[in-house]
Structure formats: structure tokens, C-alpha cells
Amino acid sequence: MKQSFKAKRLAKHHKRFSAGSKLNLVSLMDIFTILVFFLIVNQSEVRVLQNTKEINLPVSIAEEMPAENVLITVLPQSIMIQERVIWQQEDAIKKVTEELNSGLIKAIKTELSYLSTKRPLLTDNETKNGRAVTIIGDASVPYQVLKQIMAACADSDYRNMSLAVKQVAKSKIKRG
């Protein structure tokens, strides 16, 4: 028996729509592209300097965010520059001694001079204020040791220094 034109058309229509629907990936890709650009543009201004569980930062009410600088990490037993250990001892730093002073200063100056040779051209601000460095020091490290480290930085033309601290909300500060 010969099918009519209408029967052929209906059979073709039922065959086409009886199969499952297909996922349109073009629209999905467009949505994810827009989402990525939205997240990049609207990222927050929170900066995490380093995620080290060994460091207990001192507390401060600093309001200025740190810049991306050379990073010196001062732990009780070791000192790292740009996450590379340059000096280490077995027991914690308790006080500044001549042996500590000479070895520590020499190691810091050597590493900072190496880092300065990697970027020899200075901006106008760096020429005026010196290269920038951020020091993250554990709260248990004596201030005398930090002073020695800062002096070594200044001798290596890293005079624009910042000390990283844990920021405390103003509402927690007791006045009076």
C-alpha cells in the first residue's frame, strides 16, 4: 500500500523528534566564558602573602595592603628569601650573636645581590627609595634579629621595607 504525502511527512516528523534531544555546547561555552570574565573583573583585593603554618605573625592595625615585593620569611630556625632557604640552624633564634650576625648578614646580602642582578633596571621610585622588600617575621623572633635583617637589606639597596603583620579589626582594639 502506498503512503500518502501527509503520512510520509508525519512519519518523518515522529522519527525526527522521537530521538533524545542533544546538548547544545555552544551556549554552555558562552555562559562559562562570560562567567570567567565576570570573576576576573570582580575579584577582591585580598592578598595572601604566604600560607605557612609555622609563622605566627605579630598583630597590628595596619590599613595599607602589601605590594608584590621580594619576600623575606623569618622563621625561628631559618630564613627564606622568595621561598628559598638561605640560612638555617637547629635551635630557635633567641639572641643576636657574632656568629649569627656574620653568617646571617652574608647570606642575606648574597641572595639579595643575586636577585638585584636579575632585574638591574630600576624605576624612578626605586632609584629614589631603594628596591622594595617585604619581611614576614614570626612573632617569637627577637626584634634585634629583625633589625640585623633590615640593616642587611638596606646595605643591599633594598631600603623600601615593609613588615607583614596580622591585621586586627578596629572594633577589637581597646581604647583608653
C-alpha atoms as a PDB file:
ATOM      1  CA  MET A   1       0.000   0.000   0.000  1.00  0.00           C
ATOM      2  CA  LYS A   2       1.282   3.363  -0.954  1.00  0.00           C
ATOM      3  CA  GLN A   3       1.592   6.028   1.804  1.00  0.00           C
ATOM      4  CA  SER A   4       0.152   9.424   1.260  1.00  0.00           C
ATOM      5  CA  PHE A   5       2.280  12.527   1.325  1.00  0.00           C
ATOM      6  CA  LYS A   6       0.775  13.507   4.678  1.00  0.00           C
ATOM      7  CA  ALA A   7       1.577  10.083   6.211  1.00  0.00           C
ATOM      8  CA  LYS A   8       5.170  10.283   4.974  1.00  0.00           C
ATOM      9  CA  ARG A   9       5.553  13.761   6.471  1.00  0.00           C
ATOM     10  CA  LEU A  10       4.106  12.678   9.852  1.00  0.00           C
ATOM     11  CA  ALA A  11       6.351   9.584   9.941  1.00  0.00           C
ATOM     12  CA  LYS A  12       9.392  11.723   9.213  1.00  0.00           C
ATOM     13  CA  HIS A  13       8.319  14.207  11.919  1.00  0.00           C
ATOM     14  CA  HIS A  14       7.830  11.433  14.528  1.00  0.00           C
ATOM     15  CA  LYS A  15      11.173   9.875  13.617  1.00  0.00           C
ATOM     16  CA  ARG A  16      12.998  13.187  13.996  1.00  0.00           C
ATOM     17  CA  PHE A  17      11.515  14.030  17.412  1.00  0.00           C
ATOM     18  CA  SER A  18      11.472  10.533  18.885  1.00  0.00           C
ATOM     19  CA  ALA A  19      15.266  10.624  19.333  1.00  0.00           C
ATOM     20  CA  GLY A  20      16.555  12.296  22.534  1.00  0.00           C
ATOM     21  CA  SER A  21      17.443  15.967  22.463  1.00  0.00           C
ATOM     22  CA  LYS A  22      21.097  16.898  22.060  1.00  0.00           C
ATOM     23  CA  LEU A  23      23.017  19.221  24.375  1.00  0.00           C
ATOM     24  CA  ASN A  24      23.959  22.478  22.718  1.00  0.00           C
ATOM     25  CA  LEU A  25      27.551  23.097  23.890  1.00  0.00           C
ATOM     26  CA  VAL A  26      27.925  26.452  22.157  1.00  0.00           C
ATOM     27  CA  SER A  27      25.528  28.146  24.577  1.00  0.00           C
ATOM     28  CA  LEU A  28      27.168  26.454  27.543  1.00  0.00           C
ATOM     29  CA  MET A  29      30.626  27.657  26.431  1.00  0.00           C
ATOM     30  CA  ASP A  30      29.306  31.209  26.065  1.00  0.00           C
ATOM     31  CA  ILE A  31      27.945  31.172  29.606  1.00  0.00           C
ATOM     32  CA  PHE A  32      31.234  29.902  31.081  1.00  0.00           C
ATOM     33  CA  THR A  33      33.255  32.465  29.122  1.00  0.00           C
ATOM     34  CA  ILE A  34      31.122  35.288  30.493  1.00  0.00           C
ATOM     35  CA  LEU A  35      31.392  33.806  33.994  1.00  0.00           C
ATOM     36  CA  VAL A  36      35.202  33.662  33.811  1.00  0.00           C
ATOM     37  CA  PHE A  37      35.445  37.307  32.713  1.00  0.00           C
ATOM     38  CA  PHE A  38      32.990  38.339  35.438  1.00  0.00           C
ATOM     39  CA  LEU A  39      35.064  36.595  38.122  1.00  0.00           C
ATOM     40  CA  ILE A  40      38.335  38.070  36.858  1.00  0.00           C
ATOM     41  CA  VAL A  41      36.968  41.623  36.818  1.00  0.00           C
ATOM     42  CA  ASN A  42      35.254  41.375  40.202  1.00  0.00           C
ATOM     43  CA  GLN A  43      37.986  39.663  42.192  1.00  0.00           C
ATOM     44  CA  SER A  44      38.513  41.006  45.687  1.00  0.00           C
ATOM     45  CA  GLU A  45      41.576  42.902  46.823  1.00  0.00           C
ATOM     46  CA  VAL A  46      42.588  40.373  49.466  1.00  0.00           C
ATOM     47  CA  ARG A  47      46.239  39.430  49.262  1.00  0.00           C
ATOM     48  CA  VAL A  48      47.641  36.332  50.849  1.00  0.00           C
ATOM     49  CA  LEU A  49      51.378  36.705  51.236  1.00  0.00           C
ATOM     50  CA  GLN A  50      52.228  33.194  52.216  1.00  0.00           C
ATOM     51  CA  ASN A  51      50.395  30.236  53.650  1.00  0.00           C
ATOM     52  CA  THR A  52      52.905  28.974  56.200  1.00  0.00           C
ATOM     53  CA  LYS A  53      51.537  27.311  59.316  1.00  0.00           C
ATOM     54  CA  GLU A  54      54.874  27.741  61.097  1.00  0.00           C
ATOM     55  CA  ILE A  55      54.625  31.537  61.241  1.00  0.00           C
ATOM     56  CA  ASN A  56      52.696  33.363  63.934  1.00  0.00           C
ATOM     57  CA  LEU A  57      52.528  36.980  62.728  1.00  0.00           C
ATOM     58  CA  PRO A  58      52.519  39.892  65.174  1.00  0.00           C
ATOM     59  CA  VAL A  59      49.241  41.795  65.480  1.00  0.00           C
ATOM     60  CA  SER A  60      48.797  45.336  64.143  1.00  0.00           C
ATOM     61  CA  ILE A  61      46.169  47.789  62.962  1.00  0.00           C
ATOM     62  CA  ALA A  62      47.863  48.422  59.608  1.00  0.00           C
ATOM     63  CA  GLU A  63      45.494  49.649  56.918  1.00  0.00           C
ATOM     64  CA  GLU A  64      47.760  49.608  53.858  1.00  0.00           C
ATOM     65  CA  MET A  65      47.826  46.453  51.734  1.00  0.00           C
ATOM     66  CA  PRO A  66      51.270  44.958  50.975  1.00  0.00           C
ATOM     67  CA  ALA A  67      52.681  45.226  47.464  1.00  0.00           C
ATOM     68  CA  GLU A  68      54.237  42.427  45.450  1.00  0.00           C
ATOM     69  CA  ASN A  69      57.886  42.650  46.532  1.00  0.00           C
ATOM     70  CA  VAL A  70      60.816  40.430  47.320  1.00  0.00           C
ATOM     71  CA  LEU A  71      59.638  38.336  50.254  1.00  0.00           C
ATOM     72  CA  ILE A  72      61.876  37.541  53.239  1.00  0.00           C
ATOM     73  CA  THR A  73      60.408  34.981  55.645  1.00  0.00           C
ATOM     74  CA  VAL A  74      61.951  34.831  59.117  1.00  0.00           C
ATOM     75  CA  LEU A  75      61.147  31.627  60.986  1.00  0.00           C
ATOM     76  CA  PRO A  76      62.544  30.739  64.425  1.00  0.00           C
ATOM     77  CA  GLN A  77      65.070  28.284  62.897  1.00  0.00           C
ATOM     78  CA  SER A  78      65.516  29.520  59.324  1.00  0.00           C
ATOM     79  CA  ILE A  79      65.346  32.466  56.947  1.00  0.00           C
ATOM     80  CA  MET A  80      63.938  32.249  53.420  1.00  0.00           C
ATOM     81  CA  ILE A  81      64.053  34.732  50.569  1.00  0.00           C
ATOM     82  CA  GLN A  82      61.456  34.152  47.854  1.00  0.00           C
ATOM     83  CA  GLU A  83      60.632  30.763  49.478  1.00  0.00           C
ATOM     84  CA  ARG A  84      64.242  29.591  49.154  1.00  0.00           C
ATOM     85  CA  VAL A  85      66.060  28.723  52.389  1.00  0.00           C
ATOM     86  CA  ILE A  86      69.235  30.801  52.629  1.00  0.00           C
ATOM     87  CA  TRP A  87      70.101  30.298  56.299  1.00  0.00           C
ATOM     88  CA  GLN A  88      69.171  27.636  58.836  1.00  0.00           C
ATOM     89  CA  GLN A  89      70.108  26.465  62.323  1.00  0.00           C
ATOM     90  CA  GLU A  90      68.863  23.667  64.563  1.00  0.00           C
ATOM     91  CA  ASP A  91      67.591  25.616  67.567  1.00  0.00           C
ATOM     92  CA  ALA A  92      65.434  28.740  67.570  1.00  0.00           C
ATOM     93  CA  ILE A  93      66.967  32.217  67.291  1.00  0.00           C
ATOM     94  CA  LYS A  94      66.984  33.603  70.836  1.00  0.00           C
ATOM     95  CA  LYS A  95      69.510  36.420  70.627  1.00  0.00           C
ATOM     96  CA  VAL A  96      71.947  38.025  68.232  1.00  0.00           C
ATOM     97  CA  THR A  97      75.487  36.691  68.474  1.00  0.00           C
ATOM     98  CA  GLU A  98      78.598  37.481  66.407  1.00  0.00           C
ATOM     99  CA  GLU A  99      78.437  34.079  64.690  1.00  0.00           C
ATOM    100  CA  LEU A 100      74.753  34.520  63.884  1.00  0.00           C
ATOM    101  CA  ASN A 101      75.301  38.083  62.731  1.00  0.00           C
ATOM    102  CA  SER A 102      78.125  37.368  60.275  1.00  0.00           C
ATOM    103  CA  GLY A 103      76.601  34.254  58.701  1.00  0.00           C
ATOM    104  CA  LEU A 104      73.112  35.707  58.503  1.00  0.00           C
ATOM    105  CA  ILE A 105      74.169  39.064  57.049  1.00  0.00           C
ATOM    106  CA  LYS A 106      76.422  37.415  54.468  1.00  0.00           C
ATOM    107  CA  ALA A 107      73.677  35.001  53.339  1.00  0.00           C
ATOM    108  CA  ILE A 108      71.076  37.779  53.038  1.00  0.00           C
ATOM    109  CA  LYS A 109      73.401  40.126  51.152  1.00  0.00           C
ATOM    110  CA  THR A 110      74.441  37.355  48.744  1.00  0.00           C
ATOM    111  CA  GLU A 111      70.852  36.406  47.921  1.00  0.00           C
ATOM    112  CA  LEU A 112      69.626  39.996  47.587  1.00  0.00           C
ATOM    113  CA  SER A 113      72.523  40.931  45.309  1.00  0.00           C
ATOM    114  CA  TYR A 114      71.687  37.887  43.180  1.00  0.00           C
ATOM    115  CA  LEU A 115      68.029  38.969  42.969  1.00  0.00           C
ATOM    116  CA  SER A 116      69.024  42.535  42.059  1.00  0.00           C
ATOM    117  CA  THR A 117      71.132  41.257  39.139  1.00  0.00           C
ATOM    118  CA  LYS A 118      68.059  39.523  37.738  1.00  0.00           C
ATOM    119  CA  ARG A 119      66.363  42.940  37.367  1.00  0.00           C
ATOM    120  CA  PRO A 120      69.122  45.552  37.051  1.00  0.00           C
ATOM    121  CA  LEU A 121      66.998  48.448  35.729  1.00  0.00           C
ATOM    122  CA  LEU A 122      65.321  50.497  38.441  1.00  0.00           C
ATOM    123  CA  THR A 123      62.195  52.617  38.187  1.00  0.00           C
ATOM    124  CA  ASP A 124      62.307  56.267  39.291  1.00  0.00           C
ATOM    125  CA  ASN A 125      60.635  55.357  42.589  1.00  0.00           C
ATOM    126  CA  GLU A 126      63.152  52.556  43.212  1.00  0.00           C
ATOM    127  CA  THR A 127      66.056  54.876  42.435  1.00  0.00           C
ATOM    128  CA  LYS A 128      64.735  57.359  44.994  1.00  0.00           C
ATOM    129  CA  ASN A 129      63.550  54.973  47.759  1.00  0.00           C
ATOM    130  CA  GLY A 130      65.515  51.806  47.040  1.00  0.00           C
ATOM    131  CA  ARG A 131      64.190  48.417  45.984  1.00  0.00           C
ATOM    132  CA  ALA A 132      61.118  47.119  47.806  1.00  0.00           C
ATOM    133  CA  VAL A 133      61.144  44.146  50.175  1.00  0.00           C
ATOM    134  CA  THR A 134      58.513  42.636  52.485  1.00  0.00           C
ATOM    135  CA  ILE A 135      59.674  40.927  55.681  1.00  0.00           C
ATOM    136  CA  ILE A 136      57.430  38.302  57.276  1.00  0.00           C
ATOM    137  CA  GLY A 137      58.774  37.602  60.725  1.00  0.00           C
ATOM    138  CA  ASP A 138      57.484  35.190  63.313  1.00  0.00           C
ATOM    139  CA  ALA A 139      56.319  36.905  66.500  1.00  0.00           C
ATOM    140  CA  SER A 140      58.816  34.862  68.545  1.00  0.00           C
ATOM    141  CA  VAL A 141      61.846  36.169  66.604  1.00  0.00           C
ATOM    142  CA  PRO A 142      63.628  38.901  68.606  1.00  0.00           C
ATOM    143  CA  TYR A 143      63.461  42.432  67.252  1.00  0.00           C
ATOM    144  CA  GLN A 144      67.280  42.615  67.279  1.00  0.00           C
ATOM    145  CA  VAL A 145      67.370  39.879  64.641  1.00  0.00           C
ATOM    146  CA  LEU A 146      64.838  41.763  62.522  1.00  0.00           C
ATOM    147  CA  LYS A 147      66.988  44.897  62.857  1.00  0.00           C
ATOM    148  CA  GLN A 148      70.013  42.956  61.594  1.00  0.00           C
ATOM    149  CA  ILE A 149      67.990  41.667  58.635  1.00  0.00           C
ATOM    150  CA  MET A 150      66.738  45.185  57.856  1.00  0.00           C
ATOM    151  CA  ALA A 151      70.303  46.516  58.024  1.00  0.00           C
ATOM    152  CA  ALA A 152      71.444  43.828  55.578  1.00  0.00           C
ATOM    153  CA  CYS A 153      68.577  44.761  53.254  1.00  0.00           C
ATOM    154  CA  ALA A 154      69.494  48.443  53.428  1.00  0.00           C
ATOM    155  CA  ASP A 155      73.142  47.631  52.643  1.00  0.00           C
ATOM    156  CA  SER A 156      71.943  45.719  49.547  1.00  0.00           C
ATOM    157  CA  ASP A 157      69.905  48.755  48.338  1.00  0.00           C
ATOM    158  CA  TYR A 158      66.588  47.239  49.451  1.00  0.00           C
ATOM    159  CA  ARG A 159      65.633  50.291  51.504  1.00  0.00           C
ATOM    160  CA  ASN A 160      61.856  50.320  50.899  1.00  0.00           C
ATOM    161  CA  MET A 161      60.904  47.785  53.603  1.00  0.00           C
ATOM    162  CA  SER A 162      57.514  46.560  54.775  1.00  0.00           C
ATOM    163  CA  LEU A 163      56.834  44.316  57.748  1.00  0.00           C
ATOM    164  CA  ALA A 164      53.930  41.869  57.404  1.00  0.00           C
ATOM    165  CA  VAL A 165      51.540  41.712  60.352  1.00  0.00           C
ATOM    166  CA  LYS A 166      48.175  40.212  61.164  1.00  0.00           C
ATOM    167  CA  GLN A 167      45.522  42.925  60.919  1.00  0.00           C
ATOM    168  CA  VAL A 168      43.094  43.319  63.809  1.00  0.00           C
ATOM    169  CA  ALA A 169      39.668  44.816  63.330  1.00  0.00           C
ATOM    170  CA  LYS A 170      39.313  48.290  64.820  1.00  0.00           C
ATOM    171  CA  SER A 171      36.346  47.154  66.935  1.00  0.00           C
ATOM    172  CA  LYS A 172      38.611  44.715  68.846  1.00  0.00           C
ATOM    173  CA  ILE A 173      41.086  47.409  69.860  1.00  0.00           C
ATOM    174  CA  LYS A 174      40.559  48.675  73.418  1.00  0.00           C
ATOM    175  CA  ARG A 175      40.963  52.411  73.669  1.00  0.00           C
ATOM    176  CA  GLY A 176      41.843  54.297  76.769  1.00  0.00           C
END
